[in-house]
């Protein structure tokens, strides 16, 4: 038990800020052990854990998480949102509400939560998310069969109940609700499913519907992206609230001090990234990043994989 506690104390719960296609420079807050999720999606950039959970637990110290957020903010990097994301489904941490409230007390920077939405059927989870400024739940499947195929959920979860929970949260939540739909070629992009999805979206009534596709290396290599033309056709079918998530076009982060290699490892642990992503996030020249990444590659701390025409760094 003491060894587990010491390991938790050394853990970095905060990473970035990293460039986000939706949230500008996003300071990530990661409050879960690696790949702790209620889903095991075929497109997940973290890979497949082969297991799921719907049990909520208090995984880490609230005080330590808040201290690390405070420490990063004191260094005054550019931060557009403080975003709960990273190693899994953030609502599985039963201290999520306490951490959100603690962050809101220390800064006016908007708080965002990226969630798969599966636990919004629970009153306690909906209450904990209410203080957030932006909640971005996902909905990839409007039918039971597709939910099982693309999201590979915990056995206790049902597509209809997930949609019901999202609709209920929308009625209670006063902030911005952006519904993300991850589209996988040949899986959930058929005209029949898009019609079912449009019906579910109407019941939820989000502020935006953000269409995404497989732009980072997926858990299942058979998960392929849609083309821009295919995404545009679906956007038109879903109506005026739908938008295609654009590539990040913000300014570069100001130059960050400290160990470049340590900063790269911290980012790569949470998401596959390109050299350009790292350069923008850390305010370092591309050549500096390439040199540091080369050292990390030699030591086995990171590895490179190709997805489409890009090379992404992942943990070694």
Protein backbone atom coordinates (compact mmCIF):
# COMPACT_ATOMS: atom_id res chain seq x y z
CA UNK A 1 0.00 0.00 0.00
CA UNK A 2 2.82 2.43 0.85
CA UNK A 3 4.51 1.70 -2.47
CA UNK A 4 1.26 2.44 -4.33
CA UNK A 5 0.86 5.69 -2.39
CA UNK A 6 4.44 6.79 -3.17
CA UNK A 7 3.89 6.03 -6.85
CA UNK A 8 0.70 8.13 -6.86
CA UNK A 9 2.51 11.00 -5.16
CA UNK A 10 5.12 11.09 -7.93
CA UNK A 11 2.53 11.00 -10.69
CA UNK A 12 2.05 14.06 -12.85
CA UNK A 13 -1.67 14.76 -13.11
CA UNK A 14 -1.26 17.86 -15.28
CA UNK A 15 0.22 17.97 -18.78
CA UNK A 16 0.63 20.56 -21.50
CA UNK A 17 -0.78 23.02 -22.40
CA UNK A 18 -1.21 21.13 -25.66
CA UNK A 19 -2.73 22.49 -28.88
CA UNK A 20 -6.34 21.33 -29.19
CA UNK A 21 -8.41 21.54 -32.36
CA UNK A 22 -11.42 22.71 -30.32
CA UNK A 23 -10.12 24.29 -27.13
CA UNK A 24 -7.05 26.26 -28.16
CA UNK A 25 -4.15 25.70 -25.76
CA UNK A 26 -5.52 23.13 -23.37
CA UNK A 27 -3.99 22.36 -19.98
CA UNK A 28 -4.77 18.67 -19.49
CA UNK A 29 -5.84 17.25 -16.14
CA UNK A 30 -5.57 13.46 -16.01
CA UNK A 31 -7.15 11.88 -12.91
CA UNK A 32 -7.24 8.20 -13.86
CA UNK A 33 -4.86 5.26 -14.13
CA UNK A 34 -3.92 4.48 -17.71
CA UNK A 35 -6.78 3.24 -19.92
CA UNK A 36 -9.47 3.27 -17.21
CA UNK A 37 -12.68 3.52 -19.17
CA UNK A 38 -16.24 2.29 -19.53
CA UNK A 39 -15.65 1.84 -23.27
CA UNK A 40 -12.94 0.17 -25.35
CA UNK A 41 -13.48 2.04 -28.61
CA UNK A 42 -11.97 0.66 -31.80
CA UNK A 43 -10.56 4.10 -32.66
CA UNK A 44 -9.06 4.92 -29.23
CA UNK A 45 -5.69 6.63 -29.51
CA UNK A 46 -4.58 5.00 -26.24
CA UNK A 47 -4.88 1.51 -27.69
CA UNK A 48 -7.03 -1.28 -26.30
CA UNK A 49 -6.89 -2.42 -22.68
CA UNK A 50 -9.17 -5.38 -23.35
CA UNK A 51 -11.28 -4.51 -20.33
CA UNK A 52 -13.84 -1.90 -19.21
CA UNK A 53 -15.32 -0.70 -15.93
CA UNK A 54 -18.32 1.32 -14.78
CA UNK A 55 -17.24 1.50 -11.13
CA UNK A 56 -16.42 4.96 -9.77
CA UNK A 57 -13.48 5.26 -7.39
CA UNK A 58 -11.40 7.97 -5.68
CA UNK A 59 -8.16 7.19 -7.47
CA UNK A 60 -5.81 9.97 -6.38
CA UNK A 61 -5.39 12.80 -3.87
CA UNK A 62 -7.58 15.82 -4.65
CA UNK A 63 -5.08 18.06 -2.86
CA UNK A 64 -2.18 16.82 -5.00
CA UNK A 65 -4.10 17.28 -8.27
CA UNK A 66 -5.06 20.84 -7.36
CA UNK A 67 -1.52 21.64 -6.21
CA UNK A 68 -0.15 20.62 -9.60
CA UNK A 69 -2.73 22.71 -11.47
CA UNK A 70 -1.83 25.70 -9.29
CA UNK A 71 1.89 25.14 -9.90
CA UNK A 72 1.51 25.18 -13.69
CA UNK A 73 -0.79 28.22 -13.69
CA UNK A 74 1.73 30.11 -11.55
CA UNK A 75 4.24 29.79 -14.40
CA UNK A 76 1.77 31.77 -16.59
CA UNK A 77 1.74 29.76 -19.81
CA UNK A 78 -0.98 30.55 -22.32
CA UNK A 79 -3.99 28.43 -21.30
CA UNK A 80 -7.34 28.76 -23.09
CA UNK A 81 -9.07 25.89 -21.25
CA UNK A 82 -8.29 23.55 -18.38
CA UNK A 83 -9.44 20.22 -19.72
CA UNK A 84 -10.18 16.92 -18.01
CA UNK A 85 -8.89 14.30 -20.41
CA UNK A 86 -6.01 11.88 -20.77
CA UNK A 87 -5.91 8.27 -19.61
CA UNK A 88 -9.60 7.33 -19.64
CA UNK A 89 -13.14 8.40 -18.73
CA UNK A 90 -12.87 11.25 -16.16
CA UNK A 91 -16.34 10.67 -14.64
CA UNK A 92 -15.05 7.35 -13.27
CA UNK A 93 -13.17 9.39 -10.66
CA UNK A 94 -15.72 10.07 -7.93
CA UNK A 95 -13.75 13.17 -6.84
CA UNK A 96 -14.25 14.86 -10.21
CA UNK A 97 -16.74 17.39 -8.83
CA UNK A 98 -14.43 18.37 -5.96
CA UNK A 99 -11.53 18.91 -8.34
CA UNK A 100 -13.59 21.01 -10.76
CA UNK A 101 -14.84 23.21 -7.91
CA UNK A 102 -11.28 23.57 -6.58
CA UNK A 103 -10.00 24.73 -9.97
CA UNK A 104 -12.88 27.19 -10.36
CA UNK A 105 -11.83 28.79 -7.06
CA UNK A 106 -8.26 29.42 -8.23
CA UNK A 107 -8.77 30.74 -11.78
CA UNK A 108 -11.24 32.18 -14.27
CA UNK A 109 -9.90 30.02 -17.09
CA UNK A 110 -12.83 27.95 -18.43
CA UNK A 111 -12.99 24.31 -17.36
CA UNK A 112 -13.82 21.69 -20.00
CA UNK A 113 -14.56 18.00 -19.54
CA UNK A 114 -14.17 15.49 -22.37
CA UNK A 115 -16.39 12.52 -21.55
CA UNK A 116 -17.85 9.51 -23.32
CA UNK A 117 -21.18 10.38 -21.65
CA UNK A 118 -21.90 6.83 -20.52
CA UNK A 119 -22.34 7.70 -16.83
CA UNK A 120 -24.65 10.68 -17.34
CA UNK A 121 -27.55 8.40 -16.49
CA UNK A 122 -26.38 8.89 -12.87
CA UNK A 123 -27.65 11.87 -10.89
CA UNK A 124 -24.39 12.25 -8.94
CA UNK A 125 -22.30 12.40 -12.12
CA UNK A 126 -24.56 15.01 -13.72
CA UNK A 127 -24.36 17.13 -10.54
CA UNK A 128 -20.55 16.96 -10.47
CA UNK A 129 -20.30 18.17 -14.06
CA UNK A 130 -22.61 21.17 -13.65
CA UNK A 131 -19.89 23.65 -12.51
CA UNK A 132 -17.89 23.03 -15.72
CA UNK A 133 -18.00 25.64 -18.48
CA UNK A 134 -17.83 23.22 -21.40
CA UNK A 135 -18.77 19.55 -21.50
CA UNK A 136 -17.92 17.57 -24.62
CA UNK A 137 -19.61 14.15 -24.53
CA UNK A 138 -19.33 11.70 -27.39
CA UNK A 139 -22.03 9.81 -29.21
CA UNK A 140 -20.79 7.54 -31.98
CA UNK A 141 -23.68 5.08 -32.16
CA UNK A 142 -27.43 5.55 -32.02
CA UNK A 143 -28.25 1.83 -32.15
CA UNK A 144 -27.43 -1.05 -29.81
CA UNK A 145 -25.60 -3.08 -32.45
CA UNK A 146 -23.33 -0.24 -33.53
CA UNK A 147 -22.70 0.78 -29.92
CA UNK A 148 -21.30 -2.69 -29.26
CA UNK A 149 -19.31 -2.71 -32.51
CA UNK A 150 -17.61 0.69 -32.37
CA UNK A 151 -17.49 1.45 -28.62
CA UNK A 152 -17.23 -2.07 -27.12
CA UNK A 153 -18.92 -0.94 -23.87
CA UNK A 154 -19.02 -2.37 -20.37
CA UNK A 155 -21.85 -4.97 -20.24
CA UNK A 156 -23.97 -2.74 -17.99
CA UNK A 157 -24.24 0.01 -20.63
CA UNK A 158 -26.95 0.39 -23.27
CA UNK A 159 -27.08 2.84 -26.19
CA UNK A 160 -30.65 3.98 -25.48
CA UNK A 161 -29.85 4.69 -21.84
CA UNK A 162 -26.72 6.65 -22.80
CA UNK A 163 -28.79 8.86 -25.13
CA UNK A 164 -31.38 9.33 -22.38
CA UNK A 165 -28.66 10.38 -19.94
CA UNK A 166 -27.24 12.90 -22.40
CA UNK A 167 -30.69 14.43 -22.96
CA UNK A 168 -31.30 14.69 -19.22
CA UNK A 169 -27.92 16.34 -18.65
CA UNK A 170 -28.65 18.87 -21.39
CA UNK A 171 -31.82 19.94 -19.54
CA UNK A 172 -29.87 20.44 -16.29
CA UNK A 173 -26.60 21.92 -17.58
CA UNK A 174 -26.27 25.69 -18.05
CA UNK A 175 -22.88 25.67 -19.78
CA UNK A 176 -21.89 24.83 -23.35
CA UNK A 177 -22.58 21.29 -24.52
CA UNK A 178 -20.69 20.18 -27.61
CA UNK A 179 -21.55 16.69 -28.80
CA UNK A 180 -18.70 14.89 -30.56
CA UNK A 181 -19.36 12.19 -33.14
CA UNK A 182 -16.37 10.06 -34.13
CA UNK A 183 -16.98 8.65 -37.60
CA UNK A 184 -15.24 5.49 -38.75
CA UNK A 185 -15.31 4.58 -42.43
CA UNK A 186 -17.65 1.71 -43.21
CA UNK A 187 -18.82 1.40 -39.59
CA UNK A 188 -21.10 4.23 -38.44
CA UNK A 189 -21.23 6.41 -41.56
CA UNK A 190 -24.10 4.73 -43.44
CA UNK A 191 -27.13 6.84 -44.44
CA UNK A 192 -29.41 4.72 -42.21
CA UNK A 193 -27.23 5.29 -39.15
CA UNK A 194 -26.84 8.99 -39.86
CA UNK A 195 -30.66 9.27 -39.86
CA UNK A 196 -30.82 7.44 -36.50
CA UNK A 197 -28.03 9.65 -35.18
CA UNK A 198 -29.87 12.80 -36.28
CA UNK A 199 -32.93 11.67 -34.32
CA UNK A 200 -30.82 11.08 -31.19
CA UNK A 201 -29.12 14.46 -31.58
CA UNK A 202 -32.53 16.18 -31.78
CA UNK A 203 -33.48 14.55 -28.45
CA UNK A 204 -30.24 15.70 -26.80
CA UNK A 205 -30.27 19.25 -28.29
CA UNK A 206 -26.55 20.13 -27.90
CA UNK A 207 -25.16 23.56 -28.72
CA UNK A 208 -22.87 22.08 -31.35
CA UNK A 209 -22.36 18.74 -33.09
CA UNK A 210 -18.67 18.24 -33.83
CA UNK A 211 -17.80 15.67 -36.45
CA UNK A 212 -14.47 13.97 -36.08
CA UNK A 213 -12.72 11.04 -37.70
CA UNK A 214 -9.71 8.82 -37.10
CA UNK A 215 -6.83 11.32 -37.33
CA UNK A 216 -4.55 9.61 -34.75
CA UNK A 217 -3.36 6.00 -34.66
CA UNK A 218 -6.33 3.85 -33.49
CA UNK A 219 -6.58 0.81 -31.20
CA UNK A 220 -7.86 -1.27 -34.12
CA UNK A 221 -5.91 -0.70 -37.33
CA UNK A 222 -9.05 -1.49 -39.34
CA UNK A 223 -10.59 1.79 -38.08
CA UNK A 224 -10.13 4.16 -41.03
CA UNK A 225 -10.88 7.88 -41.46
CA UNK A 226 -13.46 9.49 -43.69
CA UNK A 227 -12.44 11.95 -46.37
CA UNK A 228 -13.25 15.64 -46.07
CA UNK A 229 -15.88 15.21 -48.80
CA UNK A 230 -17.54 12.35 -46.88
CA UNK A 231 -17.51 14.36 -43.66
CA UNK A 232 -19.03 17.34 -45.44
CA UNK A 233 -21.88 15.22 -46.79
CA UNK A 234 -22.70 13.99 -43.27
CA UNK A 235 -22.43 17.52 -41.89
CA UNK A 236 -25.08 18.70 -44.32
CA UNK A 237 -27.31 15.74 -43.43
CA UNK A 238 -27.11 16.49 -39.70
CA UNK A 239 -28.09 20.13 -40.03
CA UNK A 240 -26.96 23.59 -39.04
CA UNK A 241 -25.49 22.70 -35.64
CA UNK A 242 -23.04 20.24 -37.18
CA UNK A 243 -19.46 21.24 -37.92
CA UNK A 244 -16.30 19.43 -38.94
CA UNK A 245 -13.63 19.79 -36.29
CA UNK A 246 -10.95 21.92 -37.89
CA UNK A 247 -7.20 21.49 -37.50
CA UNK A 248 -5.64 23.55 -34.69
CA UNK A 249 -4.76 26.99 -35.99
CA UNK A 250 -3.81 28.88 -32.82
CA UNK A 251 -0.57 30.66 -32.08
CA UNK A 252 2.46 28.86 -30.78
CA UNK A 253 2.88 28.56 -27.04
CA UNK A 254 5.53 30.81 -25.51
CA UNK A 255 8.84 29.05 -24.94
CA UNK A 256 8.68 26.69 -21.94
CA UNK A 257 11.64 26.27 -19.61
CA UNK A 258 12.68 23.01 -17.99
CA UNK A 259 13.59 19.63 -19.38
CA UNK A 260 12.39 19.30 -22.97
CA UNK A 261 12.67 15.51 -22.88
CA UNK A 262 10.58 15.25 -19.69
CA UNK A 263 7.93 17.54 -21.19
CA UNK A 264 7.77 15.44 -24.36
CA UNK A 265 7.35 12.21 -22.38
CA UNK A 266 4.54 13.78 -20.30
CA UNK A 267 2.58 14.70 -23.43
CA UNK A 268 3.21 11.46 -25.30
CA UNK A 269 1.91 9.41 -22.35
CA UNK A 270 -1.55 10.97 -22.85
CA UNK A 271 -1.93 11.13 -26.61
CA UNK A 272 -0.06 10.32 -29.83
CA UNK A 273 1.51 13.55 -31.12
CA UNK A 274 3.52 14.76 -34.09
CA UNK A 275 6.72 16.77 -33.88
CA UNK A 276 4.70 19.81 -34.97
CA UNK A 277 2.22 19.27 -32.09
CA UNK A 278 5.07 19.18 -29.58
CA UNK A 279 6.77 22.22 -31.08
CA UNK A 280 3.56 24.28 -30.83
CA UNK A 281 2.75 23.06 -27.31
CA UNK A 282 6.19 23.73 -25.83
CA UNK A 283 7.23 26.76 -27.85
CA UNK A 284 10.40 25.00 -28.99
CA UNK A 285 11.88 24.98 -32.49
CA UNK A 286 11.16 21.88 -34.53
CA UNK A 287 14.90 21.05 -34.68
CA UNK A 288 15.13 21.12 -30.86
CA UNK A 289 12.16 18.76 -30.63
CA UNK A 290 13.64 16.39 -33.21
CA UNK A 291 16.94 16.23 -31.32
CA UNK A 292 15.26 15.55 -27.97
CA UNK A 293 12.90 13.02 -29.54
CA UNK A 294 15.91 11.26 -31.07
CA UNK A 295 17.45 10.80 -27.61
CA UNK A 296 14.14 9.47 -26.26
CA UNK A 297 13.84 7.10 -29.20
CA UNK A 298 17.34 5.72 -28.58
CA UNK A 299 16.60 5.17 -24.89
CA UNK A 300 13.32 3.41 -25.69
CA UNK A 301 11.15 5.97 -23.88
CA UNK A 302 9.15 6.78 -27.01
CA UNK A 303 8.55 5.19 -30.39
CA UNK A 304 7.22 6.44 -33.71
CA UNK A 305 4.36 4.97 -35.70
CA UNK A 306 2.85 6.12 -38.96
CA UNK A 307 -0.83 6.90 -39.45
CA UNK A 308 -1.75 8.15 -42.90
CA UNK A 309 0.98 10.54 -43.98
CA UNK A 310 2.04 11.56 -40.47
CA UNK A 311 4.45 10.12 -37.90
CA UNK A 312 3.18 10.08 -34.31
CA UNK A 313 5.14 9.64 -31.09
CA UNK A 314 3.83 7.09 -28.57
CA UNK A 315 5.24 5.71 -25.29
CA UNK A 316 8.09 3.22 -25.78
